[in-house]
Structure formats: structure tokens, C-alpha cells
PDB file of N, CA and C in Angstrom:
ATOM      1  N   MET A   1     -21.489  40.087   6.242  1.00  0.00           N
ATOM      2  CA  MET A   1     -20.273  40.009   5.459  1.00  0.00           C
ATOM      3  C   MET A   1     -19.350  38.914   5.994  1.00  0.00           C
ATOM      4  N   LYS A   2     -19.260  38.852   7.314  1.00  0.00           N
ATOM      5  CA  LYS A   2     -18.383  37.862   7.917  1.00  0.00           C
ATOM      6  C   LYS A   2     -18.884  36.444   7.648  1.00  0.00           C
ATOM      7  N   LYS A   3     -20.199  36.292   7.672  1.00  0.00           N
ATOM      8  CA  LYS A   3     -20.793  34.982   7.429  1.00  0.00           C
ATOM      9  C   LYS A   3     -20.528  34.504   5.999  1.00  0.00           C
ATOM     10  N   SER A   4     -20.557  35.418   5.046  1.00  0.00           N
ATOM     11  CA  SER A   4     -20.309  35.083   3.643  1.00  0.00           C
ATOM     12  C   SER A   4     -18.873  34.609   3.439  1.00  0.00           C
ATOM     13  N   GLY A   5     -17.928  35.272   4.083  1.00  0.00           N
ATOM     14  CA  GLY A   5     -16.525  34.873   3.970  1.00  0.00           C
ATOM     15  C   GLY A   5     -16.282  33.511   4.595  1.00  0.00           C
ATOM     16  N   HIS A   6     -16.950  33.270   5.724  1.00  0.00           N
ATOM     17  CA  HIS A   6     -16.810  31.967   6.395  1.00  0.00           C
ATOM     18  C   HIS A   6     -17.393  30.848   5.522  1.00  0.00           C
ATOM     19  N   LEU A   7     -18.519  31.148   4.879  1.00  0.00           N
ATOM     20  CA  LEU A   7     -19.152  30.153   4.002  1.00  0.00           C
ATOM     21  C   LEU A   7     -18.261  29.825   2.810  1.00  0.00           C
ATOM     22  N   MET A   8     -17.667  30.844   2.207  1.00  0.00           N
ATOM     23  CA  MET A   8     -16.771  30.612   1.063  1.00  0.00           C
ATOM     24  C   MET A   8     -15.551  29.806   1.475  1.00  0.00           C
ATOM     25  N   LYS A   9     -15.024  30.092   2.662  1.00  0.00           N
ATOM     26  CA  LYS A   9     -13.857  29.366   3.160  1.00  0.00           C
ATOM     27  C   LYS A   9     -14.212  27.897   3.388  1.00  0.00           C
ATOM     28  N   THR A  10     -15.383  27.650   3.938  1.00  0.00           N
ATOM     29  CA  THR A  10     -15.827  26.275   4.188  1.00  0.00           C
ATOM     30  C   THR A  10     -16.048  25.522   2.879  1.00  0.00           C
ATOM     31  N   ILE A  11     -16.705  26.171   1.935  1.00  0.00           N
ATOM     32  CA  ILE A  11     -16.960  25.536   0.635  1.00  0.00           C
ATOM     33  C   ILE A  11     -15.653  25.246  -0.084  1.00  0.00           C
ATOM     34  N   SER A  12     -14.719  26.178  -0.039  1.00  0.00           N
ATOM     35  CA  SER A  12     -13.441  25.956  -0.724  1.00  0.00           C
ATOM     36  C   SER A  12     -12.655  24.819  -0.071  1.00  0.00           C
ATOM     37  N   ARG A  13     -12.737  24.687   1.235  1.00  0.00           N
ATOM     38  CA  ARG A  13     -12.059  23.575   1.921  1.00  0.00           C
ATOM     39  C   ARG A  13     -12.640  22.232   1.505  1.00  0.00           C
ATOM     40  N   TYR A  14     -13.977  22.163   1.446  1.00  0.00           N
ATOM     41  CA  TYR A  14     -14.614  20.917   1.015  1.00  0.00           C
ATOM     42  C   TYR A  14     -14.272  20.593  -0.445  1.00  0.00           C
ATOM     43  N   PHE A  15     -14.224  21.622  -1.273  1.00  0.00           N
ATOM     44  CA  PHE A  15     -13.895  21.417  -2.679  1.00  0.00           C
ATOM     45  C   PHE A  15     -12.466  20.907  -2.843  1.00  0.00           C
ATOM     46  N   ILE A  16     -11.532  21.500  -2.105  1.00  0.00           N
ATOM     47  CA  ILE A  16     -10.140  21.048  -2.167  1.00  0.00           C
ATOM     48  C   ILE A  16     -10.004  19.628  -1.614  1.00  0.00           C
ATOM     49  N   ALA A  17     -10.729  19.320  -0.547  1.00  0.00           N
ATOM     50  CA  ALA A  17     -10.702  17.964   0.011  1.00  0.00           C
ATOM     51  C   ALA A  17     -11.264  16.957  -0.988  1.00  0.00           C
ATOM     52  N   PHE A  18     -12.339  17.343  -1.672  1.00  0.00           N
ATOM     53  CA  PHE A  18     -12.933  16.466  -2.675  1.00  0.00           C
ATOM     54  C   PHE A  18     -11.963  16.223  -3.835  1.00  0.00           C
ATOM     55  N   LEU A  19     -11.354  17.293  -4.350  1.00  0.00           N
ATOM     56  CA  LEU A  19     -10.399  17.148  -5.451  1.00  0.00           C
ATOM     57  C   LEU A  19      -9.195  16.300  -5.032  1.00  0.00           C
ATOM     58  N   SER A  20      -8.722  16.506  -3.816  1.00  0.00           N
ATOM     59  CA  SER A  20      -7.592  15.708  -3.325  1.00  0.00           C
ATOM     60  C   SER A  20      -7.962  14.233  -3.260  1.00  0.00           C
ATOM     61  N   SER A  21      -9.156  13.937  -2.808  1.00  0.00           N
ATOM     62  CA  SER A  21      -9.614  12.551  -2.730  1.00  0.00           C
ATOM     63  C   SER A  21      -9.711  11.923  -4.116  1.00  0.00           C
ATOM     64  N   VAL A  22     -10.245  12.671  -5.061  1.00  0.00           N
ATOM     65  CA  VAL A  22     -10.381  12.155  -6.428  1.00  0.00           C
ATOM     66  C   VAL A  22      -9.008  11.899  -7.032  1.00  0.00           C
ATOM     67  N   PHE A  23      -8.080  12.828  -6.863  1.00  0.00           N
ATOM     68  CA  PHE A  23      -6.741  12.648  -7.423  1.00  0.00           C
ATOM     69  C   PHE A  23      -6.006  11.492  -6.752  1.00  0.00           C
ATOM     70  N   LEU A  24      -6.158  11.336  -5.448  1.00  0.00           N
ATOM     71  CA  LEU A  24      -5.530  10.229  -4.744  1.00  0.00           C
ATOM     72  C   LEU A  24      -6.098   8.900  -5.219  1.00  0.00           C
ATOM     73  N   PHE A  25      -7.413   8.819  -5.362  1.00  0.00           N
ATOM     74  CA  PHE A  25      -8.060   7.601  -5.843  1.00  0.00           C
ATOM     75  C   PHE A  25      -7.585   7.265  -7.261  1.00  0.00           C
ATOM     76  N   ALA A  26      -7.534   8.256  -8.140  1.00  0.00           N
ATOM     77  CA  ALA A  26      -7.086   8.028  -9.519  1.00  0.00           C
ATOM     78  C   ALA A  26      -5.627   7.592  -9.544  1.00  0.00           C
ATOM     79  N   PHE A  27      -4.793   8.213  -8.716  1.00  0.00           N
ATOM     80  CA  PHE A  27      -3.384   7.832  -8.644  1.00  0.00           C
ATOM     81  C   PHE A  27      -3.226   6.389  -8.192  1.00  0.00           C
ATOM     82  N   LEU A  28      -3.973   5.981  -7.186  1.00  0.00           N
ATOM     83  CA  LEU A  28      -3.870   4.608  -6.690  1.00  0.00           C
ATOM     84  C   LEU A  28      -4.372   3.600  -7.716  1.00  0.00           C
ATOM     85  N   ILE A  29      -5.430   3.933  -8.431  1.00  0.00           N
ATOM     86  CA  ILE A  29      -5.942   3.040  -9.476  1.00  0.00           C
ATOM     87  C   ILE A  29      -4.914   2.905 -10.599  1.00  0.00           C
ATOM     88  N   LEU A  30      -4.354   4.015 -11.054  1.00  0.00           N
ATOM     89  CA  LEU A  30      -3.364   3.955 -12.126  1.00  0.00           C
ATOM     90  C   LEU A  30      -2.098   3.220 -11.690  1.00  0.00           C
ATOM     91  N   LEU A  31      -1.683   3.419 -10.451  1.00  0.00           N
ATOM     92  CA  LEU A  31      -0.516   2.711  -9.935  1.00  0.00           C
ATOM     93  C   LEU A  31      -0.780   1.209  -9.876  1.00  0.00           C
ATOM     94  N   THR A  32      -1.957   0.829  -9.421  1.00  0.00           N
ATOM     95  CA  THR A  32      -2.315  -0.589  -9.365  1.00  0.00           C
ATOM     96  C   THR A  32      -2.344  -1.204 -10.760  1.00  0.00           C
ATOM     97  N   LEU A  33      -2.931  -0.498 -11.711  1.00  0.00           N
ATOM     98  CA  LEU A  33      -2.966  -1.007 -13.086  1.00  0.00           C
ATOM     99  C   LEU A  33      -1.563  -1.151 -13.659  1.00  0.00           C
ATOM    100  N   ARG A  34      -0.724  -0.181 -13.398  1.00  0.00           N
ATOM    101  CA  ARG A  34       0.652  -0.226 -13.933  1.00  0.00           C
ATOM    102  C   ARG A  34       1.439  -1.381 -13.345  1.00  0.00           C
ATOM    103  N   LEU A  35       1.230  -1.653 -12.069  1.00  0.00           N
ATOM    104  CA  LEU A  35       1.989  -2.715 -11.414  1.00  0.00           C
ATOM    105  C   LEU A  35       1.426  -4.107 -11.698  1.00  0.00           C
ATOM    106  N   THR A  36       0.199  -4.196 -12.205  1.00  0.00           N
ATOM    107  CA  THR A  36      -0.395  -5.506 -12.457  1.00  0.00           C
ATOM    108  C   THR A  36      -0.635  -5.721 -13.948  1.00  0.00           C
ATOM    109  N   LEU A  37      -1.689  -5.161 -14.472  1.00  0.00           N
ATOM    110  CA  LEU A  37      -2.101  -5.470 -15.841  1.00  0.00           C
ATOM    111  C   LEU A  37      -1.115  -5.000 -16.900  1.00  0.00           C
ATOM    112  N   PHE A  38      -0.418  -3.896 -16.662  1.00  0.00           N
ATOM    113  CA  PHE A  38       0.524  -3.388 -17.652  1.00  0.00           C
ATOM    114  C   PHE A  38       1.944  -3.871 -17.420  1.00  0.00           C
ATOM    115  N   SER A  39       2.120  -4.758 -16.457  1.00  0.00           N
ATOM    116  CA  SER A  39       3.447  -5.274 -16.158  1.00  0.00           C
ATOM    117  C   SER A  39       3.625  -6.633 -16.824  1.00  0.00           C
ATOM    118  N   GLU A  40       4.611  -6.717 -17.700  1.00  0.00           N
ATOM    119  CA  GLU A  40       4.858  -7.958 -18.434  1.00  0.00           C
ATOM    120  C   GLU A  40       5.234  -9.096 -17.485  1.00  0.00           C
ATOM    121  N   GLY A  41       6.051  -8.796 -16.506  1.00  0.00           N
ATOM    122  CA  GLY A  41       6.473  -9.811 -15.547  1.00  0.00           C
ATOM    123  C   GLY A  41       5.313 -10.355 -14.733  1.00  0.00           C
ATOM    124  N   TYR A  42       4.399  -9.482 -14.340  1.00  0.00           N
ATOM    125  CA  TYR A  42       3.233  -9.921 -13.569  1.00  0.00           C
ATOM    126  C   TYR A  42       2.343 -10.837 -14.404  1.00  0.00           C
ATOM    127  N   ILE A  43       2.125 -10.474 -15.652  1.00  0.00           N
ATOM    128  CA  ILE A  43       1.280 -11.286 -16.534  1.00  0.00           C
ATOM    129  C   ILE A  43       1.914 -12.660 -16.750  1.00  0.00           C
ATOM    130  N   GLU A  44       3.219 -12.701 -16.977  1.00  0.00           N
ATOM    131  CA  GLU A  44       3.904 -13.981 -17.158  1.00  0.00           C
ATOM    132  C   GLU A  44       3.797 -14.839 -15.912  1.00  0.00           C
ATOM    133  N   LYS A  45       3.981 -14.225 -14.755  1.00  0.00           N
ATOM    134  CA  LYS A  45       3.897 -14.955 -13.493  1.00  0.00           C
ATOM    135  C   LYS A  45       2.497 -15.548 -13.295  1.00  0.00           C
ATOM    136  N   GLN A  46       1.488 -14.780 -13.612  1.00  0.00           N
ATOM    137  CA  GLN A  46       0.124 -15.266 -13.456  1.00  0.00           C
ATOM    138  C   GLN A  46      -0.205 -16.362 -14.472  1.00  0.00           C
ATOM    139  N   ALA A  47       0.343 -16.266 -15.682  1.00  0.00           N
ATOM    140  CA  ALA A  47       0.106 -17.293 -16.695  1.00  0.00           C
ATOM    141  C   ALA A  47       0.754 -18.604 -16.283  1.00  0.00           C
ATOM    142  N   VAL A  48       1.951 -18.537 -15.728  1.00  0.00           N
ATOM    143  CA  VAL A  48       2.628 -19.750 -15.260  1.00  0.00           C
ATOM    144  C   VAL A  48       1.881 -20.329 -14.064  1.00  0.00           C
ATOM    145  N   LYS A  49       1.449 -19.475 -13.173  1.00  0.00           N
ATOM    146  CA  LYS A  49       0.737 -19.925 -11.974  1.00  0.00           C
ATOM    147  C   LYS A  49      -0.582 -20.613 -12.344  1.00  0.00           C
ATOM    148  N   ALA A  50      -1.252 -20.125 -13.354  1.00  0.00           N
ATOM    149  CA  ALA A  50      -2.530 -20.695 -13.765  1.00  0.00           C
ATOM    150  C   ALA A  50      -2.354 -21.841 -14.751  1.00  0.00           C
ATOM    151  N   ASP A  51      -1.118 -22.172 -15.072  1.00  0.00           N
ATOM    152  CA  ASP A  51      -0.819 -23.240 -16.028  1.00  0.00           C
ATOM    153  C   ASP A  51      -1.497 -22.962 -17.375  1.00  0.00           C
ATOM    154  N   TYR A  52      -1.448 -21.706 -17.775  1.00  0.00           N
ATOM    155  CA  TYR A  52      -2.128 -21.252 -18.983  1.00  0.00           C
ATOM    156  C   TYR A  52      -1.571 -21.905 -20.243  1.00  0.00           C
ATOM    157  N   TYR A  53      -0.266 -21.999 -20.326  1.00  0.00           N
ATOM    158  CA  TYR A  53       0.355 -22.505 -21.550  1.00  0.00           C
ATOM    159  C   TYR A  53       0.039 -23.983 -21.781  1.00  0.00           C
ATOM    160  N   SER A  54       0.027 -24.770 -20.739  1.00  0.00           N
ATOM    161  CA  SER A  54      -0.318 -26.188 -20.883  1.00  0.00           C
ATOM    162  C   SER A  54      -1.777 -26.354 -21.286  1.00  0.00           C
ATOM    163  N   GLU A  55      -2.645 -25.577 -20.654  1.00  0.00           N
ATOM    164  CA  GLU A  55      -4.072 -25.636 -20.992  1.00  0.00           C
ATOM    165  C   GLU A  55      -4.312 -25.197 -22.439  1.00  0.00           C
ATOM    166  N   LEU A  56      -3.608 -24.178 -22.872  1.00  0.00           N
ATOM    167  CA  LEU A  56      -3.759 -23.694 -24.254  1.00  0.00           C
ATOM    168  C   LEU A  56      -3.268 -24.753 -25.236  1.00  0.00           C
ATOM    169  N   THR A  57      -2.141 -25.411 -24.924  1.00  0.00           N
ATOM    170  CA  THR A  57      -1.624 -26.459 -25.800  1.00  0.00           C
ATOM    171  C   THR A  57      -2.614 -27.615 -25.903  1.00  0.00           C
ATOM    172  N   GLU A  58      -3.208 -27.999 -24.797  1.00  0.00           N
ATOM    173  CA  GLU A  58      -4.192 -29.071 -24.817  1.00  0.00           C
ATOM    174  C   GLU A  58      -5.417 -28.693 -25.640  1.00  0.00           C
ATOM    175  N   GLU A  59      -5.861 -27.459 -25.513  1.00  0.00           N
ATOM    176  CA  GLU A  59      -7.019 -26.999 -26.275  1.00  0.00           C
ATOM    177  C   GLU A  59      -6.737 -26.989 -27.779  1.00  0.00           C
ATOM    178  N   ILE A  60      -5.530 -26.591 -28.152  1.00  0.00           N
ATOM    179  CA  ILE A  60      -5.181 -26.534 -29.573  1.00  0.00           C
ATOM    180  C   ILE A  60      -5.096 -27.945 -30.145  1.00  0.00           C
ATOM    181  N   ASN A  61      -4.491 -28.849 -29.400  1.00  0.00           N
ATOM    182  CA  ASN A  61      -4.371 -30.242 -29.878  1.00  0.00           C
ATOM    183  C   ASN A  61      -5.694 -30.949 -29.773  1.00  0.00           C
TER     184      ASN A  61
END
């Protein structure tokens, strides 16, 4: 009986650790996406840095 309780406690700890890791990973990915790809200021900064507008104008002309 004691061994069964210890096993359940160990399994539940691993399960909670796994869920915590998954949620932390998802949170960090969503935070990174929000601060980069979904940020208008970041996109504008990268377009200016890459000289996107000049290259696009040259391609159109």
C-alpha cells in the first residue's frame, strides 16, 4: 500500500513538472511572438533596417 502511494506521488510530481514546462515554453513563445512579429514598431524598424522600402520602389519601377 505504501509503495502504491509513493508511486502515485512520484507520477503526479512528474506530470505537474511536465505541464509546468509546457506552459512556460508556450508562454515564452507567445511573448516572443507578441514582442516581435505582432509588434508594429518592430516590423517598421526591421523594414527600415533592411532598406525594404527602397528595394520595393526599385522593383516596382
